[in-house]
C-alpha atoms as a PDB file:
ATOM      1  CA  MET A   1     -39.387  12.972 -75.224  1.00  0.00           C
ATOM      2  CA  ASN A   2     -39.367  11.308 -71.842  1.00  0.00           C
ATOM      3  CA  LYS A   3     -40.573   7.760 -71.354  1.00  0.00           C
ATOM      4  CA  ILE A   4     -43.115   8.068 -68.576  1.00  0.00           C
ATOM      5  CA  VAL A   5     -45.128   5.646 -66.476  1.00  0.00           C
ATOM      6  CA  VAL A   6     -48.029   7.356 -64.716  1.00  0.00           C
ATOM      7  CA  HIS A   7     -49.509   5.827 -61.557  1.00  0.00           C
ATOM      8  CA  GLY A   8     -52.966   7.130 -60.722  1.00  0.00           C
ATOM      9  CA  ASN A   9     -54.503   7.396 -57.260  1.00  0.00           C
ATOM     10  CA  ASP A  10     -57.060   4.844 -58.444  1.00  0.00           C
ATOM     11  CA  GLY A  11     -54.383   2.183 -59.142  1.00  0.00           C
ATOM     12  CA  SER A  12     -54.317   2.802 -62.881  1.00  0.00           C
ATOM     13  CA  ILE A  13     -51.034   2.721 -64.789  1.00  0.00           C
ATOM     14  CA  SER A  14     -50.439   4.429 -68.127  1.00  0.00           C
ATOM     15  CA  LYS A  15     -47.272   4.327 -70.203  1.00  0.00           C
ATOM     16  CA  GLY A  16     -46.205   6.698 -72.927  1.00  0.00           C
ATOM     17  CA  HIS A  17     -44.185   9.719 -73.959  1.00  0.00           C
ATOM     18  CA  SER A  18     -44.466  13.291 -72.770  1.00  0.00           C
ATOM     19  CA  SER A  19     -42.645  16.453 -73.651  1.00  0.00           C
ATOM     20  CA  ASP A  20     -44.540  18.794 -71.325  1.00  0.00           C
ATOM     21  CA  PHE A  21     -44.389  17.178 -67.874  1.00  0.00           C
ATOM     22  CA  THR A  22     -43.386  19.649 -65.187  1.00  0.00           C
ATOM     23  CA  PRO A  23     -44.593  19.926 -61.594  1.00  0.00           C
ATOM     24  CA  MET A  24     -44.963  23.671 -62.119  1.00  0.00           C
ATOM     25  CA  ILE A  25     -48.139  23.130 -64.180  1.00  0.00           C
ATOM     26  CA  PRO A  26     -51.097  21.149 -62.753  1.00  0.00           C
ATOM     27  CA  TYR A  27     -51.432  18.891 -65.823  1.00  0.00           C
ATOM     28  CA  PHE A  28     -49.440  17.357 -68.664  1.00  0.00           C
ATOM     29  CA  HIS A  29     -50.095  15.356 -71.816  1.00  0.00           C
ATOM     30  CA  LEU A  30     -49.123  11.756 -72.462  1.00  0.00           C
ATOM     31  CA  ALA A  31     -49.054  10.057 -75.847  1.00  0.00           C
ATOM     32  CA  THR A  32     -49.877   6.575 -74.579  1.00  0.00           C
ATOM     33  CA  LEU A  33     -48.476   3.391 -76.037  1.00  0.00           C
ATOM     34  CA  GLU A  34     -52.034   2.326 -76.877  1.00  0.00           C
ATOM     35  CA  GLU A  35     -52.911   5.577 -78.699  1.00  0.00           C
ATOM     36  CA  PRO A  36     -49.592   7.234 -79.682  1.00  0.00           C
ATOM     37  CA  ALA A  37     -51.243   9.613 -82.177  1.00  0.00           C
ATOM     38  CA  ASP A  38     -53.461  11.120 -79.482  1.00  0.00           C
ATOM     39  CA  SER A  39     -52.541  12.549 -76.125  1.00  0.00           C
ATOM     40  CA  VAL A  40     -54.283  12.151 -72.808  1.00  0.00           C
ATOM     41  CA  LYS A  41     -54.341  14.988 -70.280  1.00  0.00           C
ATOM     42  CA  PHE A  42     -53.314  13.965 -66.767  1.00  0.00           C
ATOM     43  CA  TRP A  43     -53.988  16.192 -63.762  1.00  0.00           C
ATOM     44  CA  LEU A  44     -51.390  15.949 -60.991  1.00  0.00           C
ATOM     45  CA  GLU A  45     -54.131  16.042 -58.338  1.00  0.00           C
ATOM     46  CA  ASN A  46     -55.319  12.616 -59.561  1.00  0.00           C
ATOM     47  CA  LEU A  47     -51.903  10.968 -59.494  1.00  0.00           C
ATOM     48  CA  LYS A  48     -49.766   9.002 -57.085  1.00  0.00           C
ATOM     49  CA  ALA A  49     -46.471   9.377 -58.979  1.00  0.00           C
ATOM     50  CA  VAL A  50     -44.895  10.002 -62.356  1.00  0.00           C
ATOM     51  CA  PHE A  51     -41.952   7.734 -63.144  1.00  0.00           C
ATOM     52  CA  ILE A  52     -39.410   8.688 -65.787  1.00  0.00           C
ATOM     53  CA  VAL A  53     -37.994   5.363 -66.958  1.00  0.00           C
ATOM     54  CA  MET A  54     -35.321   3.975 -69.265  1.00  0.00           C
ATOM     55  CA  ASP A  55     -37.506   1.207 -70.671  1.00  0.00           C
ATOM     56  CA  PHE A  56     -41.255   0.599 -70.542  1.00  0.00           C
ATOM     57  CA  ASP A  57     -40.876  -3.120 -69.846  1.00  0.00           C
ATOM     58  CA  GLY A  58     -38.006  -2.972 -67.376  1.00  0.00           C
ATOM     59  CA  ASP A  59     -36.589  -6.236 -66.088  1.00  0.00           C
ATOM     60  CA  PRO A  60     -39.347  -8.235 -64.395  1.00  0.00           C
ATOM     61  CA  LEU A  61     -36.721 -10.382 -62.638  1.00  0.00           C
ATOM     62  CA  HIS A  62     -34.894  -7.395 -61.133  1.00  0.00           C
ATOM     63  CA  LYS A  63     -35.470  -6.855 -57.426  1.00  0.00           C
ATOM     64  CA  ASP A  64     -34.576  -3.301 -56.353  1.00  0.00           C
ATOM     65  CA  SER A  65     -31.799  -3.115 -53.804  1.00  0.00           C
ATOM     66  CA  HIS A  66     -32.510  -1.224 -50.602  1.00  0.00           C
ATOM     67  CA  ASP A  67     -28.804  -0.875 -49.849  1.00  0.00           C
ATOM     68  CA  PHE A  68     -27.906   2.790 -50.237  1.00  0.00           C
ATOM     69  CA  LYS A  69     -24.158   2.077 -50.189  1.00  0.00           C
ATOM     70  CA  LYS A  70     -24.197   1.736 -53.992  1.00  0.00           C
ATOM     71  CA  ALA A  71     -26.540   4.688 -54.539  1.00  0.00           C
ATOM     72  CA  PRO A  72     -25.419   6.909 -57.414  1.00  0.00           C
ATOM     73  CA  PHE A  73     -26.730  10.203 -55.977  1.00  0.00           C
ATOM     74  CA  LEU A  74     -26.044  12.397 -52.994  1.00  0.00           C
ATOM     75  CA  GLY A  75     -28.932  13.487 -50.831  1.00  0.00           C
ATOM     76  CA  ARG A  76     -31.199  12.240 -48.098  1.00  0.00           C
ATOM     77  CA  HIS A  77     -31.858   8.500 -48.125  1.00  0.00           C
ATOM     78  CA  ILE A  78     -35.580   8.035 -47.664  1.00  0.00           C
ATOM     79  CA  VAL A  79     -38.394   5.536 -47.902  1.00  0.00           C
ATOM     80  CA  VAL A  80     -41.621   6.902 -49.350  1.00  0.00           C
ATOM     81  CA  ASN A  81     -44.589   4.986 -47.938  1.00  0.00           C
ATOM     82  CA  PHE A  82     -47.549   5.455 -50.246  1.00  0.00           C
ATOM     83  CA  ARG A  83     -51.126   5.290 -48.976  1.00  0.00           C
ATOM     84  CA  ASP A  84     -51.714   2.149 -51.062  1.00  0.00           C
ATOM     85  CA  GLY A  85     -48.924   0.270 -49.232  1.00  0.00           C
ATOM     86  CA  GLU A  86     -46.231   0.546 -51.892  1.00  0.00           C
ATOM     87  CA  LYS A  87     -42.780   1.737 -50.831  1.00  0.00           C
ATOM     88  CA  PHE A  88     -40.139   3.551 -52.874  1.00  0.00           C
ATOM     89  CA  TYR A  89     -36.559   3.602 -51.617  1.00  0.00           C
ATOM     90  CA  GLY A  90     -34.650   6.549 -52.929  1.00  0.00           C
ATOM     91  CA  ILE A  91     -32.675   9.705 -52.543  1.00  0.00           C
ATOM     92  CA  SER A  92     -34.154  13.161 -52.421  1.00  0.00           C
ATOM     93  CA  GLU A  93     -33.682  16.693 -51.338  1.00  0.00           C
ATOM     94  CA  LEU A  94     -37.163  17.110 -49.897  1.00  0.00           C
ATOM     95  CA  SER A  95     -38.815  20.308 -51.014  1.00  0.00           C
ATOM     96  CA  HIS A  96     -40.981  22.656 -48.998  1.00  0.00           C
ATOM     97  CA  ARG A  97     -43.925  21.141 -47.164  1.00  0.00           C
ATOM     98  CA  ASP A  98     -46.477  23.219 -49.048  1.00  0.00           C
ATOM     99  CA  SER A  99     -45.486  21.972 -52.512  1.00  0.00           C
ATOM    100  CA  THR A 100     -47.437  19.424 -54.511  1.00  0.00           C
ATOM    101  CA  GLY A 101     -44.699  16.812 -54.452  1.00  0.00           C
ATOM    102  CA  PHE A 102     -41.004  16.179 -54.903  1.00  0.00           C
ATOM    103  CA  TYR A 103     -38.517  14.321 -57.060  1.00  0.00           C
ATOM    104  CA  ILE A 104     -36.867  11.165 -55.826  1.00  0.00           C
ATOM    105  CA  PHE A 105     -34.045   9.226 -57.433  1.00  0.00           C
ATOM    106  CA  PRO A 106     -33.862   5.456 -56.991  1.00  0.00           C
ATOM    107  CA  GLY A 107     -31.402   4.174 -54.429  1.00  0.00           C
ATOM    108  CA  ASP A 108     -30.659   1.181 -56.649  1.00  0.00           C
ATOM    109  CA  PRO A 109     -28.168   2.058 -59.419  1.00  0.00           C
ATOM    110  CA  ASP A 110     -29.619  -0.755 -61.556  1.00  0.00           C
ATOM    111  CA  SER A 111     -33.215   0.482 -61.311  1.00  0.00           C
ATOM    112  CA  ASN A 112     -35.211   1.050 -64.486  1.00  0.00           C
ATOM    113  CA  THR A 113     -36.478   4.294 -62.954  1.00  0.00           C
ATOM    114  CA  ILE A 114     -34.387   7.353 -63.756  1.00  0.00           C
ATOM    115  CA  ARG A 115     -36.328   9.546 -61.337  1.00  0.00           C
ATOM    116  CA  ALA A 116     -39.867   9.884 -60.065  1.00  0.00           C
ATOM    117  CA  TYR A 117     -42.074  12.764 -59.071  1.00  0.00           C
ATOM    118  CA  VAL A 118     -44.215  11.692 -56.119  1.00  0.00           C
ATOM    119  CA  LEU A 119     -47.360  13.550 -55.102  1.00  0.00           C
ATOM    120  CA  ARG A 120     -47.656  14.417 -51.425  1.00  0.00           C
ATOM    121  CA  SER A 121     -51.390  13.627 -51.468  1.00  0.00           C
ATOM    122  CA  ALA A 122     -50.560   9.965 -52.205  1.00  0.00           C
ATOM    123  CA  ILE A 123     -47.963   9.625 -49.448  1.00  0.00           C
ATOM    124  CA  ALA A 124     -48.744   8.176 -46.022  1.00  0.00           C
ATOM    125  CA  SER A 125     -45.278   8.941 -44.616  1.00  0.00           C
ATOM    126  CA  VAL A 126     -41.643   9.509 -45.484  1.00  0.00           C
ATOM    127  CA  ASP A 127     -39.015   7.819 -43.360  1.00  0.00           C
ATOM    128  CA  ILE A 128     -35.292   8.452 -43.214  1.00  0.00           C
ATOM    129  CA  ALA A 129     -33.501   5.273 -44.325  1.00  0.00           C
ATOM    130  CA  ASN A 130     -30.341   3.992 -42.717  1.00  0.00           C
END
């Protein structure tokens, strides 16, 4: 089961495990850390992003690097500018414009995020990073 951190359009954050997350289906279930015996249904249309992480706590002292020279993946170096002002620096092969979202891999090899699925409805712009 994947460790997932769900960011809602409303600013909410939920952490838990999911075995059925896929962008091909408009919803998935999350067994939250607060209620691991139950699952909560999340609809993609209500989300900003779904982060697949190594650890739920991460390293609060770690500051993500925006230097793509150490990036572990090939692809387009981008900056996702979310509508709420947050930025995510990563690498992606951007999918078709009519899709719901796309996967992005962190540019920082020491990031706690393995990959993230970002929803186009939550994005203000995507810039090509240098």
